[in-house]
Amino acid sequence: MLGKKIRSFRHSLAGLRVVWKEESNFKLAIVCGTMAVLAATILEISAVEWLAVILSIGFVLSVETLNTALEESCDMVKNDPDPHIAKIKDLGSAAVLLASIASLLVGIIIFLPKVATLAW
């Protein structure tokens, strides 16, 4: 049973290597997430705010990874231009956009008041 869990973990790590290597948007999300963690550390946000920041970062990275898997699946099924495949890819991209907007709003709600206080 432990061997099965280890194999599963290795597959997960392989997936992370793929998305890191092939997806510039994933790297951008990592950079943004790192900046959010640095800001959170400097601004000494509360435990609940940390929870929101960490969940937001994980949400964006997860949706981006799922979108990459969806795009890869679509390309495997049909690499020629197809309106249905284009629609599926657009929907996956929309999911990433929505997750990113939600995370941006979380960041604005948490960080903007703290930065505004520092500026005054």
PDB file of N, CA and C in Angstrom:
ATOM      1  N   MET A   1       0.823  -1.193   0.000  1.00  0.00           N
ATOM      2  CA  MET A   1       0.000   0.000   0.000  1.00  0.00           C
ATOM      3  C   MET A   1       0.867   1.257   0.000  1.00  0.00           C
ATOM      4  N   LEU A   2       1.951   1.270   0.780  1.00  0.00           N
ATOM      5  CA  LEU A   2       2.844   2.412   0.810  1.00  0.00           C
ATOM      6  C   LEU A   2       3.501   2.617  -0.551  1.00  0.00           C
ATOM      7  N   GLY A   3       3.854   1.517  -1.212  1.00  0.00           N
ATOM      8  CA  GLY A   3       4.459   1.601  -2.542  1.00  0.00           C
ATOM      9  C   GLY A   3       3.532   2.272  -3.543  1.00  0.00           C
ATOM     10  N   LYS A   4       2.243   1.975  -3.434  1.00  0.00           N
ATOM     11  CA  LYS A   4       1.254   2.587  -4.320  1.00  0.00           C
ATOM     12  C   LYS A   4       1.173   4.094  -4.085  1.00  0.00           C
ATOM     13  N   LYS A   5       1.237   4.498  -2.826  1.00  0.00           N
ATOM     14  CA  LYS A   5       1.205   5.924  -2.478  1.00  0.00           C
ATOM     15  C   LYS A   5       2.456   6.636  -2.996  1.00  0.00           C
ATOM     16  N   ILE A   6       3.591   5.969  -2.886  1.00  0.00           N
ATOM     17  CA  ILE A   6       4.842   6.559  -3.368  1.00  0.00           C
ATOM     18  C   ILE A   6       4.797   6.729  -4.879  1.00  0.00           C
ATOM     19  N   ARG A   7       4.293   5.725  -5.594  1.00  0.00           N
ATOM     20  CA  ARG A   7       4.160   5.827  -7.051  1.00  0.00           C
ATOM     21  C   ARG A   7       3.222   6.974  -7.423  1.00  0.00           C
ATOM     22  N   SER A   8       2.131   7.092  -6.705  1.00  0.00           N
ATOM     23  CA  SER A   8       1.176   8.161  -6.948  1.00  0.00           C
ATOM     24  C   SER A   8       1.833   9.526  -6.744  1.00  0.00           C
ATOM     25  N   PHE A   9       2.617   9.647  -5.696  1.00  0.00           N
ATOM     26  CA  PHE A   9       3.325  10.892  -5.415  1.00  0.00           C
ATOM     27  C   PHE A   9       4.319  11.198  -6.527  1.00  0.00           C
ATOM     28  N   ARG A  10       5.007  10.193  -7.022  1.00  0.00           N
ATOM     29  CA  ARG A  10       5.965  10.380  -8.127  1.00  0.00           C
ATOM     30  C   ARG A  10       5.259  10.866  -9.389  1.00  0.00           C
ATOM     31  N   HIS A  11       4.068  10.333  -9.665  1.00  0.00           N
ATOM     32  CA  HIS A  11       3.289  10.791 -10.824  1.00  0.00           C
ATOM     33  C   HIS A  11       2.905  12.263 -10.647  1.00  0.00           C
ATOM     34  N   SER A  12       2.551  12.626  -9.433  1.00  0.00           N
ATOM     35  CA  SER A  12       2.202  14.025  -9.150  1.00  0.00           C
ATOM     36  C   SER A  12       3.393  14.943  -9.389  1.00  0.00           C
ATOM     37  N   LEU A  13       4.553  14.525  -8.916  1.00  0.00           N
ATOM     38  CA  LEU A  13       5.767  15.320  -9.133  1.00  0.00           C
ATOM     39  C   LEU A  13       6.099  15.423 -10.625  1.00  0.00           C
ATOM     40  N   ALA A  14       5.881  14.331 -11.362  1.00  0.00           N
ATOM     41  CA  ALA A  14       6.114  14.357 -12.812  1.00  0.00           C
ATOM     42  C   ALA A  14       5.179  15.370 -13.471  1.00  0.00           C
ATOM     43  N   GLY A  15       3.943  15.409 -13.023  1.00  0.00           N
ATOM     44  CA  GLY A  15       2.992  16.383 -13.556  1.00  0.00           C
ATOM     45  C   GLY A  15       3.421  17.806 -13.264  1.00  0.00           C
ATOM     46  N   LEU A  16       3.919  18.042 -12.058  1.00  0.00           N
ATOM     47  CA  LEU A  16       4.410  19.380 -11.720  1.00  0.00           C
ATOM     48  C   LEU A  16       5.605  19.770 -12.582  1.00  0.00           C
ATOM     49  N   ARG A  17       6.482  18.811 -12.867  1.00  0.00           N
ATOM     50  CA  ARG A  17       7.630  19.097 -13.742  1.00  0.00           C
ATOM     51  C   ARG A  17       7.147  19.480 -15.136  1.00  0.00           C
ATOM     52  N   VAL A  18       6.128  18.775 -15.632  1.00  0.00           N
ATOM     53  CA  VAL A  18       5.594  19.060 -16.971  1.00  0.00           C
ATOM     54  C   VAL A  18       5.001  20.467 -17.025  1.00  0.00           C
ATOM     55  N   VAL A  19       4.144  20.781 -16.060  1.00  0.00           N
ATOM     56  CA  VAL A  19       3.475  22.090 -16.099  1.00  0.00           C
ATOM     57  C   VAL A  19       4.498  23.208 -15.892  1.00  0.00           C
ATOM     58  N   TRP A  20       5.510  22.978 -15.068  1.00  0.00           N
ATOM     59  CA  TRP A  20       6.558  23.983 -14.877  1.00  0.00           C
ATOM     60  C   TRP A  20       7.356  24.187 -16.162  1.00  0.00           C
ATOM     61  N   LYS A  21       7.675  23.097 -16.826  1.00  0.00           N
ATOM     62  CA  LYS A  21       8.512  23.149 -18.028  1.00  0.00           C
ATOM     63  C   LYS A  21       7.763  23.738 -19.221  1.00  0.00           C
ATOM     64  N   GLU A  22       6.476  23.437 -19.343  1.00  0.00           N
ATOM     65  CA  GLU A  22       5.743  23.755 -20.567  1.00  0.00           C
ATOM     66  C   GLU A  22       4.813  24.962 -20.479  1.00  0.00           C
ATOM     67  N   GLU A  23       4.490  25.409 -19.299  1.00  0.00           N
ATOM     68  CA  GLU A  23       3.477  26.463 -19.168  1.00  0.00           C
ATOM     69  C   GLU A  23       4.040  27.738 -18.545  1.00  0.00           C
ATOM     70  N   SER A  24       4.187  28.772 -19.371  1.00  0.00           N
ATOM     71  CA  SER A  24       4.686  30.043 -18.856  1.00  0.00           C
ATOM     72  C   SER A  24       3.692  30.677 -17.883  1.00  0.00           C
ATOM     73  N   ASN A  25       2.398  30.437 -18.081  1.00  0.00           N
ATOM     74  CA  ASN A  25       1.403  30.994 -17.162  1.00  0.00           C
ATOM     75  C   ASN A  25       1.527  30.384 -15.765  1.00  0.00           C
ATOM     76  N   PHE A  26       1.933  29.126 -15.687  1.00  0.00           N
ATOM     77  CA  PHE A  26       2.156  28.492 -14.396  1.00  0.00           C
ATOM     78  C   PHE A  26       3.323  29.185 -13.688  1.00  0.00           C
ATOM     79  N   LYS A  27       4.380  29.455 -14.437  1.00  0.00           N
ATOM     80  CA  LYS A  27       5.529  30.151 -13.860  1.00  0.00           C
ATOM     81  C   LYS A  27       5.132  31.545 -13.395  1.00  0.00           C
ATOM     82  N   LEU A  28       4.310  32.237 -14.180  1.00  0.00           N
ATOM     83  CA  LEU A  28       3.829  33.556 -13.780  1.00  0.00           C
ATOM     84  C   LEU A  28       3.025  33.462 -12.484  1.00  0.00           C
ATOM     85  N   ALA A  29       2.193  32.437 -12.377  1.00  0.00           N
ATOM     86  CA  ALA A  29       1.403  32.246 -11.158  1.00  0.00           C
ATOM     87  C   ALA A  29       2.305  31.959  -9.962  1.00  0.00           C
ATOM     88  N   ILE A  30       3.382  31.224 -10.170  1.00  0.00           N
ATOM     89  CA  ILE A  30       4.351  30.965  -9.098  1.00  0.00           C
ATOM     90  C   ILE A  30       5.004  32.273  -8.657  1.00  0.00           C
ATOM     91  N   VAL A  31       5.381  33.101  -9.618  1.00  0.00           N
ATOM     92  CA  VAL A  31       5.994  34.395  -9.289  1.00  0.00           C
ATOM     93  C   VAL A  31       5.012  35.263  -8.508  1.00  0.00           C
ATOM     94  N   CYS A  32       3.779  35.345  -8.971  1.00  0.00           N
ATOM     95  CA  CYS A  32       2.759  36.143  -8.273  1.00  0.00           C
ATOM     96  C   CYS A  32       2.496  35.587  -6.874  1.00  0.00           C
ATOM     97  N   GLY A  33       2.425  34.281  -6.763  1.00  0.00           N
ATOM     98  CA  GLY A  33       2.216  33.655  -5.459  1.00  0.00           C
ATOM     99  C   GLY A  33       3.364  33.932  -4.506  1.00  0.00           C
ATOM    100  N   THR A  34       4.576  33.880  -5.028  1.00  0.00           N
ATOM    101  CA  THR A  34       5.752  34.175  -4.211  1.00  0.00           C
ATOM    102  C   THR A  34       5.731  35.626  -3.734  1.00  0.00           C
ATOM    103  N   MET A  35       5.344  36.538  -4.627  1.00  0.00           N
ATOM    104  CA  MET A  35       5.233  37.947  -4.246  1.00  0.00           C
ATOM    105  C   MET A  35       4.167  38.135  -3.165  1.00  0.00           C
ATOM    106  N   ALA A  36       3.063  37.406  -3.288  1.00  0.00           N
ATOM    107  CA  ALA A  36       2.002  37.498  -2.279  1.00  0.00           C
ATOM    108  C   ALA A  36       2.490  36.988  -0.932  1.00  0.00           C
ATOM    109  N   VAL A  37       3.252  35.899  -0.929  1.00  0.00           N
ATOM    110  CA  VAL A  37       3.792  35.354   0.324  1.00  0.00           C
ATOM    111  C   VAL A  37       4.789  36.335   0.943  1.00  0.00           C
ATOM    112  N   LEU A  38       5.624  36.945   0.120  1.00  0.00           N
ATOM    113  CA  LEU A  38       6.568  37.938   0.638  1.00  0.00           C
ATOM    114  C   LEU A  38       5.823  39.135   1.230  1.00  0.00           C
ATOM    115  N   ALA A  39       4.816  39.615   0.515  1.00  0.00           N
ATOM    116  CA  ALA A  39       4.021  40.747   1.013  1.00  0.00           C
ATOM    117  C   ALA A  39       3.322  40.368   2.315  1.00  0.00           C
ATOM    118  N   ALA A  40       2.782  39.169   2.363  1.00  0.00           N
ATOM    119  CA  ALA A  40       2.090  38.710   3.568  1.00  0.00           C
ATOM    120  C   ALA A  40       3.041  38.653   4.762  1.00  0.00           C
ATOM    121  N   THR A  41       4.260  38.228   4.512  1.00  0.00           N
ATOM    122  CA  THR A  41       5.263  38.142   5.567  1.00  0.00           C
ATOM    123  C   THR A  41       5.648  39.543   6.051  1.00  0.00           C
ATOM    124  N   ILE A  42       5.911  40.433   5.114  1.00  0.00           N
ATOM    125  CA  ILE A  42       6.320  41.799   5.468  1.00  0.00           C
ATOM    126  C   ILE A  42       5.196  42.531   6.199  1.00  0.00           C
ATOM    127  N   LEU A  43       3.968  42.351   5.726  1.00  0.00           N
ATOM    128  CA  LEU A  43       2.830  43.065   6.304  1.00  0.00           C
ATOM    129  C   LEU A  43       2.235  42.370   7.528  1.00  0.00           C
ATOM    130  N   GLU A  44       2.781  41.209   7.867  1.00  0.00           N
ATOM    131  CA  GLU A  44       2.347  40.462   9.053  1.00  0.00           C
ATOM    132  C   GLU A  44       0.828  40.269   9.097  1.00  0.00           C
ATOM    133  N   ILE A  45       0.321  39.628   8.076  1.00  0.00           N
ATOM    134  CA  ILE A  45      -1.121  39.401   8.005  1.00  0.00           C
ATOM    135  C   ILE A  45      -1.554  38.358   9.040  1.00  0.00           C
ATOM    136  N   SER A  46      -2.849  38.336   9.309  1.00  0.00           N
ATOM    137  CA  SER A  46      -3.395  37.414  10.329  1.00  0.00           C
ATOM    138  C   SER A  46      -3.428  35.978   9.802  1.00  0.00           C
ATOM    139  N   ALA A  47      -3.698  35.052  10.699  1.00  0.00           N
ATOM    140  CA  ALA A  47      -3.782  33.634  10.324  1.00  0.00           C
ATOM    141  C   ALA A  47      -4.907  33.399   9.315  1.00  0.00           C
ATOM    142  N   VAL A  48      -6.023  34.056   9.495  1.00  0.00           N
ATOM    143  CA  VAL A  48      -7.146  33.895   8.557  1.00  0.00           C
ATOM    144  C   VAL A  48      -6.774  34.472   7.190  1.00  0.00           C
ATOM    145  N   GLU A  49      -6.071  35.588   7.193  1.00  0.00           N
ATOM    146  CA  GLU A  49      -5.621  36.176   5.922  1.00  0.00           C
ATOM    147  C   GLU A  49      -4.603  35.265   5.244  1.00  0.00           C
ATOM    148  N   TRP A  50      -3.716  34.663   6.020  1.00  0.00           N
ATOM    149  CA  TRP A  50      -2.767  33.686   5.469  1.00  0.00           C
ATOM    150  C   TRP A  50      -3.518  32.540   4.788  1.00  0.00           C
ATOM    151  N   LEU A  51      -4.542  32.072   5.456  1.00  0.00           N
ATOM    152  CA  LEU A  51      -5.344  30.979   4.902  1.00  0.00           C
ATOM    153  C   LEU A  51      -5.919  31.368   3.537  1.00  0.00           C
ATOM    154  N   ALA A  52      -6.466  32.579   3.455  1.00  0.00           N
ATOM    155  CA  ALA A  52      -7.039  33.053   2.193  1.00  0.00           C
ATOM    156  C   ALA A  52      -5.968  33.164   1.106  1.00  0.00           C
ATOM    157  N   VAL A  53      -4.801  33.673   1.463  1.00  0.00           N
ATOM    158  CA  VAL A  53      -3.711  33.835   0.486  1.00  0.00           C
ATOM    159  C   VAL A  53      -3.233  32.468  -0.001  1.00  0.00           C
ATOM    160  N   ILE A  54      -2.990  31.553   0.915  1.00  0.00           N
ATOM    161  CA  ILE A  54      -2.489  30.219   0.548  1.00  0.00           C
ATOM    162  C   ILE A  54      -3.513  29.467  -0.299  1.00  0.00           C
ATOM    163  N   LEU A  55      -4.777  29.530   0.094  1.00  0.00           N
ATOM    164  CA  LEU A  55      -5.818  28.857  -0.694  1.00  0.00           C
ATOM    165  C   LEU A  55      -5.956  29.479  -2.077  1.00  0.00           C
ATOM    166  N   SER A  56      -5.827  30.787  -2.171  1.00  0.00           N
ATOM    167  CA  SER A  56      -5.914  31.461  -3.471  1.00  0.00           C
ATOM    168  C   SER A  56      -4.778  31.039  -4.395  1.00  0.00           C
ATOM    169  N   ILE A  57      -3.576  30.989  -3.843  1.00  0.00           N
ATOM    170  CA  ILE A  57      -2.419  30.564  -4.640  1.00  0.00           C
ATOM    171  C   ILE A  57      -2.611  29.125  -5.106  1.00  0.00           C
ATOM    172  N   GLY A  58      -2.987  28.251  -4.194  1.00  0.00           N
ATOM    173  CA  GLY A  58      -3.219  26.846  -4.557  1.00  0.00           C
ATOM    174  C   GLY A  58      -4.330  26.683  -5.577  1.00  0.00           C
ATOM    175  N   PHE A  59      -5.375  27.501  -5.448  1.00  0.00           N
ATOM    176  CA  PHE A  59      -6.502  27.453  -6.381  1.00  0.00           C
ATOM    177  C   PHE A  59      -6.051  27.807  -7.795  1.00  0.00           C
ATOM    178  N   VAL A  60      -5.319  28.900  -7.939  1.00  0.00           N
ATOM    179  CA  VAL A  60      -4.853  29.319  -9.266  1.00  0.00           C
ATOM    180  C   VAL A  60      -3.915  28.272  -9.861  1.00  0.00           C
ATOM    181  N   LEU A  61      -2.971  27.783  -9.078  1.00  0.00           N
ATOM    182  CA  LEU A  61      -2.024  26.778  -9.588  1.00  0.00           C
ATOM    183  C   LEU A  61      -2.740  25.484  -9.975  1.00  0.00           C
ATOM    184  N   SER A  62      -3.726  25.085  -9.187  1.00  0.00           N
ATOM    185  CA  SER A  62      -4.480  23.868  -9.492  1.00  0.00           C
ATOM    186  C   SER A  62      -5.297  24.017 -10.769  1.00  0.00           C
ATOM    187  N   VAL A  63      -5.981  25.146 -10.907  1.00  0.00           N
ATOM    188  CA  VAL A  63      -6.800  25.361 -12.104  1.00  0.00           C
ATOM    189  C   VAL A  63      -5.905  25.460 -13.340  1.00  0.00           C
ATOM    190  N   GLU A  64      -4.766  26.116 -13.213  1.00  0.00           N
ATOM    191  CA  GLU A  64      -3.830  26.209 -14.342  1.00  0.00           C
ATOM    192  C   GLU A  64      -3.332  24.818 -14.731  1.00  0.00           C
ATOM    193  N   THR A  65      -3.048  23.982 -13.751  1.00  0.00           N
ATOM    194  CA  THR A  65      -2.583  22.621 -14.028  1.00  0.00           C
ATOM    195  C   THR A  65      -3.688  21.797 -14.703  1.00  0.00           C
ATOM    196  N   LEU A  66      -4.902  21.915 -14.207  1.00  0.00           N
ATOM    197  CA  LEU A  66      -6.034  21.206 -14.830  1.00  0.00           C
ATOM    198  C   LEU A  66      -6.284  21.710 -16.254  1.00  0.00           C
ATOM    199  N   ASN A  67      -6.143  23.005 -16.474  1.00  0.00           N
ATOM    200  CA  ASN A  67      -6.316  23.548 -17.815  1.00  0.00           C
ATOM    201  C   ASN A  67      -5.251  22.997 -18.761  1.00  0.00           C
ATOM    202  N   THR A  68      -4.037  22.860 -18.262  1.00  0.00           N
ATOM    203  CA  THR A  68      -2.966  22.285 -19.078  1.00  0.00           C
ATOM    204  C   THR A  68      -3.300  20.838 -19.448  1.00  0.00           C
ATOM    205  N   ALA A  69      -3.810  20.074 -18.489  1.00  0.00           N
ATOM    206  CA  ALA A  69      -4.202  18.686 -18.761  1.00  0.00           C
ATOM    207  C   ALA A  69      -5.343  18.639 -19.777  1.00  0.00           C
ATOM    208  N   LEU A  70      -6.289  19.549 -19.649  1.00  0.00           N
ATOM    209  CA  LEU A  70      -7.415  19.612 -20.585  1.00  0.00           C
ATOM    210  C   LEU A  70      -6.929  19.931 -21.999  1.00  0.00           C
ATOM    211  N   GLU A  71      -6.046  20.906 -22.113  1.00  0.00           N
ATOM    212  CA  GLU A  71      -5.506  21.271 -23.425  1.00  0.00           C
ATOM    213  C   GLU A  71      -4.729  20.112 -24.038  1.00  0.00           C
ATOM    214  N   GLU A  72      -3.945  19.439 -23.210  1.00  0.00           N
ATOM    215  CA  GLU A  72      -3.162  18.290 -23.686  1.00  0.00           C
ATOM    216  C   GLU A  72      -4.093  17.181 -24.181  1.00  0.00           C
ATOM    217  N   SER A  73      -5.164  16.931 -23.455  1.00  0.00           N
ATOM    218  CA  SER A  73      -6.151  15.915 -23.850  1.00  0.00           C
ATOM    219  C   SER A  73      -6.805  16.290 -25.173  1.00  0.00           C
ATOM    220  N   CYS A  74      -7.169  17.550 -25.304  1.00  0.00           N
ATOM    221  CA  CYS A  74      -7.794  18.016 -26.545  1.00  0.00           C
ATOM    222  C   CYS A  74      -6.850  17.839 -27.728  1.00  0.00           C
ATOM    223  N   ASP A  75      -5.579  18.186 -27.535  1.00  0.00           N
ATOM    224  CA  ASP A  75      -4.595  18.047 -28.614  1.00  0.00           C
ATOM    225  C   ASP A  75      -4.382  16.583 -28.982  1.00  0.00           C
ATOM    226  N   MET A  76      -4.488  15.700 -27.992  1.00  0.00           N
ATOM    227  CA  MET A  76      -4.318  14.279 -28.256  1.00  0.00           C
ATOM    228  C   MET A  76      -5.493  13.743 -29.075  1.00  0.00           C
ATOM    229  N   VAL A  77      -6.696  14.217 -28.767  1.00  0.00           N
ATOM    230  CA  VAL A  77      -7.894  13.752 -29.471  1.00  0.00           C
ATOM    231  C   VAL A  77      -7.922  14.271 -30.898  1.00  0.00           C
ATOM    232  N   LYS A  78      -7.653  15.565 -31.048  1.00  0.00           N
ATOM    233  CA  LYS A  78      -7.731  16.166 -32.375  1.00  0.00           C
ATOM    234  C   LYS A  78      -6.843  17.391 -32.416  1.00  0.00           C
ATOM    235  N   ASN A  79      -5.797  17.311 -33.205  1.00  0.00           N
ATOM    236  CA  ASN A  79      -4.857  18.416 -33.291  1.00  0.00           C
ATOM    237  C   ASN A  79      -5.240  19.408 -34.391  1.00  0.00           C
ATOM    238  N   ASP A  80      -6.148  19.022 -35.270  1.00  0.00           N
ATOM    239  CA  ASP A  80      -6.601  19.916 -36.328  1.00  0.00           C
ATOM    240  C   ASP A  80      -7.583  20.931 -35.752  1.00  0.00           C
ATOM    241  N   PRO A  81      -7.691  22.098 -36.380  1.00  0.00           N
ATOM    242  CA  PRO A  81      -8.666  23.086 -35.904  1.00  0.00           C
ATOM    243  C   PRO A  81     -10.077  22.496 -35.870  1.00  0.00           C
ATOM    244  N   ASP A  82     -10.732  22.652 -34.747  1.00  0.00           N
ATOM    245  CA  ASP A  82     -12.080  22.129 -34.570  1.00  0.00           C
ATOM    246  C   ASP A  82     -12.816  23.077 -33.634  1.00  0.00           C
ATOM    247  N   PRO A  83     -14.027  23.504 -33.999  1.00  0.00           N
ATOM    248  CA  PRO A  83     -14.735  24.477 -33.156  1.00  0.00           C
ATOM    249  C   PRO A  83     -15.069  23.939 -31.762  1.00  0.00           C
ATOM    250  N   HIS A  84     -15.315  22.642 -31.642  1.00  0.00           N
ATOM    251  CA  HIS A  84     -15.626  22.067 -30.334  1.00  0.00           C
ATOM    252  C   HIS A  84     -14.396  22.050 -29.431  1.00  0.00           C
ATOM    253  N   ILE A  85     -13.261  21.682 -30.017  1.00  0.00           N
ATOM    254  CA  ILE A  85     -12.009  21.682 -29.253  1.00  0.00           C
ATOM    255  C   ILE A  85     -11.654  23.109 -28.844  1.00  0.00           C
ATOM    256  N   ALA A  86     -11.826  24.053 -29.756  1.00  0.00           N
ATOM    257  CA  ALA A  86     -11.547  25.461 -29.434  1.00  0.00           C
ATOM    258  C   ALA A  86     -12.433  25.939 -28.288  1.00  0.00           C
ATOM    259  N   LYS A  87     -13.698  25.535 -28.306  1.00  0.00           N
ATOM    260  CA  LYS A  87     -14.628  25.926 -27.246  1.00  0.00           C
ATOM    261  C   LYS A  87     -14.194  25.331 -25.901  1.00  0.00           C
ATOM    262  N   ILE A  88     -13.788  24.071 -25.909  1.00  0.00           N
ATOM    263  CA  ILE A  88     -13.322  23.405 -24.682  1.00  0.00           C
ATOM    264  C   ILE A  88     -12.091  24.128 -24.131  1.00  0.00           C
ATOM    265  N   LYS A  89     -11.148  24.454 -25.007  1.00  0.00           N
ATOM    266  CA  LYS A  89      -9.941  25.144 -24.565  1.00  0.00           C
ATOM    267  C   LYS A  89     -10.266  26.544 -24.033  1.00  0.00           C
ATOM    268  N   ASP A  90     -11.199  27.227 -24.695  1.00  0.00           N
ATOM    269  CA  ASP A  90     -11.614  28.551 -24.221  1.00  0.00           C
ATOM    270  C   ASP A  90     -12.246  28.467 -22.837  1.00  0.00           C
ATOM    271  N   LEU A  91     -13.040  27.432 -22.601  1.00  0.00           N
ATOM    272  CA  LEU A  91     -13.671  27.257 -21.289  1.00  0.00           C
ATOM    273  C   LEU A  91     -12.621  26.990 -20.205  1.00  0.00           C
ATOM    274  N   GLY A  92     -11.628  26.184 -20.528  1.00  0.00           N
ATOM    275  CA  GLY A  92     -10.547  25.936 -19.572  1.00  0.00           C
ATOM    276  C   GLY A  92      -9.778  27.205 -19.264  1.00  0.00           C
ATOM    277  N   SER A  93      -9.523  27.988 -20.290  1.00  0.00           N
ATOM    278  CA  SER A  93      -8.831  29.253 -20.105  1.00  0.00           C
ATOM    279  C   SER A  93      -9.672  30.224 -19.280  1.00  0.00           C
ATOM    280  N   ALA A  94     -10.975  30.217 -19.501  1.00  0.00           N
ATOM    281  CA  ALA A  94     -11.880  31.066 -18.721  1.00  0.00           C
ATOM    282  C   ALA A  94     -11.834  30.680 -17.243  1.00  0.00           C
ATOM    283  N   ALA A  95     -11.726  29.395 -16.959  1.00  0.00           N
ATOM    284  CA  ALA A  95     -11.637  28.940 -15.566  1.00  0.00           C
ATOM    285  C   ALA A  95     -10.382  29.503 -14.900  1.00  0.00           C
ATOM    286  N   VAL A  96      -9.276  29.512 -15.620  1.00  0.00           N
ATOM    287  CA  VAL A  96      -8.037  30.078 -15.085  1.00  0.00           C
ATOM    288  C   VAL A  96      -8.206  31.579 -14.839  1.00  0.00           C
ATOM    289  N   LEU A  97      -8.834  32.255 -15.785  1.00  0.00           N
ATOM    290  CA  LEU A  97      -9.067  33.694 -15.635  1.00  0.00           C
ATOM    291  C   LEU A  97      -9.923  33.987 -14.399  1.00  0.00           C
ATOM    292  N   LEU A  98     -10.993  33.220 -14.220  1.00  0.00           N
ATOM    293  CA  LEU A  98     -11.859  33.425 -13.056  1.00  0.00           C
ATOM    294  C   LEU A  98     -11.119  33.181 -11.743  1.00  0.00           C
ATOM    295  N   ALA A  99     -10.314  32.131 -11.702  1.00  0.00           N
ATOM    296  CA  ALA A  99      -9.528  31.840 -10.499  1.00  0.00           C
ATOM    297  C   ALA A  99      -8.532  32.965 -10.231  1.00  0.00           C
ATOM    298  N   SER A 100      -7.943  33.483 -11.293  1.00  0.00           N
ATOM    299  CA  SER A 100      -6.967  34.568 -11.146  1.00  0.00           C
ATOM    300  C   SER A 100      -7.632  35.847 -10.657  1.00  0.00           C
ATOM    301  N   ILE A 101      -8.794  36.163 -11.198  1.00  0.00           N
ATOM    302  CA  ILE A 101      -9.529  37.356 -10.760  1.00  0.00           C
ATOM    303  C   ILE A 101      -9.922  37.217  -9.295  1.00  0.00           C
ATOM    304  N   ALA A 102     -10.431  36.057  -8.917  1.00  0.00           N
ATOM    305  CA  ALA A 102     -10.812  35.837  -7.518  1.00  0.00           C
ATOM    306  C   ALA A 102      -9.608  36.003  -6.605  1.00  0.00           C
ATOM    307  N   SER A 103      -8.466  35.470  -7.001  1.00  0.00           N
ATOM    308  CA  SER A 103      -7.254  35.595  -6.186  1.00  0.00           C
ATOM    309  C   SER A 103      -6.772  37.037  -6.121  1.00  0.00           C
ATOM    310  N   LEU A 104      -6.888  37.745  -7.225  1.00  0.00           N
ATOM    311  CA  LEU A 104      -6.524  39.160  -7.237  1.00  0.00           C
ATOM    312  C   LEU A 104      -7.398  39.944  -6.260  1.00  0.00           C
ATOM    313  N   LEU A 105      -8.686  39.647  -6.257  1.00  0.00           N
ATOM    314  CA  LEU A 105      -9.601  40.323  -5.330  1.00  0.00           C
ATOM    315  C   LEU A 105      -9.253  40.008  -3.881  1.00  0.00           C
ATOM    316  N   VAL A 106      -8.898  38.765  -3.604  1.00  0.00           N
ATOM    317  CA  VAL A 106      -8.461  38.402  -2.250  1.00  0.00           C
ATOM    318  C   VAL A 106      -7.235  39.232  -1.870  1.00  0.00           C
ATOM    319  N   GLY A 107      -6.296  39.334  -2.799  1.00  0.00           N
ATOM    320  CA  GLY A 107      -5.092  40.131  -2.540  1.00  0.00           C
ATOM    321  C   GLY A 107      -5.404  41.596  -2.297  1.00  0.00           C
ATOM    322  N   ILE A 108      -6.299  42.151  -3.095  1.00  0.00           N
ATOM    323  CA  ILE A 108      -6.684  43.559  -2.915  1.00  0.00           C
ATOM    324  C   ILE A 108      -7.330  43.766  -1.552  1.00  0.00           C
ATOM    325  N   ILE A 109      -8.243  42.874  -1.193  1.00  0.00           N
ATOM    326  CA  ILE A 109      -8.947  42.999   0.089  1.00  0.00           C
ATOM    327  C   ILE A 109      -7.985  42.901   1.271  1.00  0.00           C
ATOM    328  N   ILE A 110      -7.012  42.019   1.170  1.00  0.00           N
ATOM    329  CA  ILE A 110      -6.078  41.818   2.286  1.00  0.00           C
ATOM    330  C   ILE A 110      -4.971  42.870   2.306  1.00  0.00           C
ATOM    331  N   PHE A 111      -4.357  43.120   1.150  1.00  0.00           N
ATOM    332  CA  PHE A 111      -3.144  43.940   1.124  1.00  0.00           C
ATOM    333  C   PHE A 111      -3.386  45.438   0.980  1.00  0.00           C
ATOM    334  N   LEU A 112      -4.399  45.843   0.237  1.00  0.00           N
ATOM    335  CA  LEU A 112      -4.593  47.268  -0.016  1.00  0.00           C
ATOM    336  C   LEU A 112      -4.762  48.089   1.265  1.00  0.00           C
ATOM    337  N   PRO A 113      -5.616  47.666   2.202  1.00  0.00           N
ATOM    338  CA  PRO A 113      -5.733  48.468   3.436  1.00  0.00           C
ATOM    339  C   PRO A 113      -4.424  48.550   4.221  1.00  0.00           C
ATOM    340  N   LYS A 114      -3.651  47.479   4.217  1.00  0.00           N
ATOM    341  CA  LYS A 114      -2.387  47.469   4.967  1.00  0.00           C
ATOM    342  C   LYS A 114      -1.358  48.384   4.302  1.00  0.00           C
ATOM    343  N   VAL A 115      -1.305  48.354   2.980  1.00  0.00           N
ATOM    344  CA  VAL A 115      -0.371  49.215   2.254  1.00  0.00           C
ATOM    345  C   VAL A 115      -0.810  50.673   2.381  1.00  0.00           C
ATOM    346  N   ALA A 116      -2.109  50.925   2.322  1.00  0.00           N
ATOM    347  CA  ALA A 116      -2.619  52.290   2.467  1.00  0.00           C
ATOM    348  C   ALA A 116      -2.273  52.859   3.838  1.00  0.00           C
ATOM    349  N   THR A 117      -2.332  52.025   4.869  1.00  0.00           N
ATOM    350  CA  THR A 117      -1.973  52.455   6.222  1.00  0.00           C
ATOM    351  C   THR A 117      -0.491  52.827   6.293  1.00  0.00           C
ATOM    352  N   LEU A 118       0.355  52.056   5.607  1.00  0.00           N
ATOM    353  CA  LEU A 118       1.789  52.352   5.597  1.00  0.00           C
ATOM    354  C   LEU A 118       2.083  53.659   4.874  1.00  0.00           C
ATOM    355  N   ALA A 119       1.313  53.923   3.820  1.00  0.00           N
ATOM    356  CA  ALA A 119       1.549  55.114   3.001  1.00  0.00           C
ATOM    357  C   ALA A 119       1.160  56.400   3.720  1.00  0.00           C
ATOM    358  N   TRP A 120       0.253  56.320   4.678  1.00  0.00           N
ATOM    359  CA  TRP A 120      -0.203  57.532   5.375  1.00  0.00           C
ATOM    360  C   TRP A 120       0.622  57.687   6.585  1.00  0.00           C
TER     361      TRP A 120
END
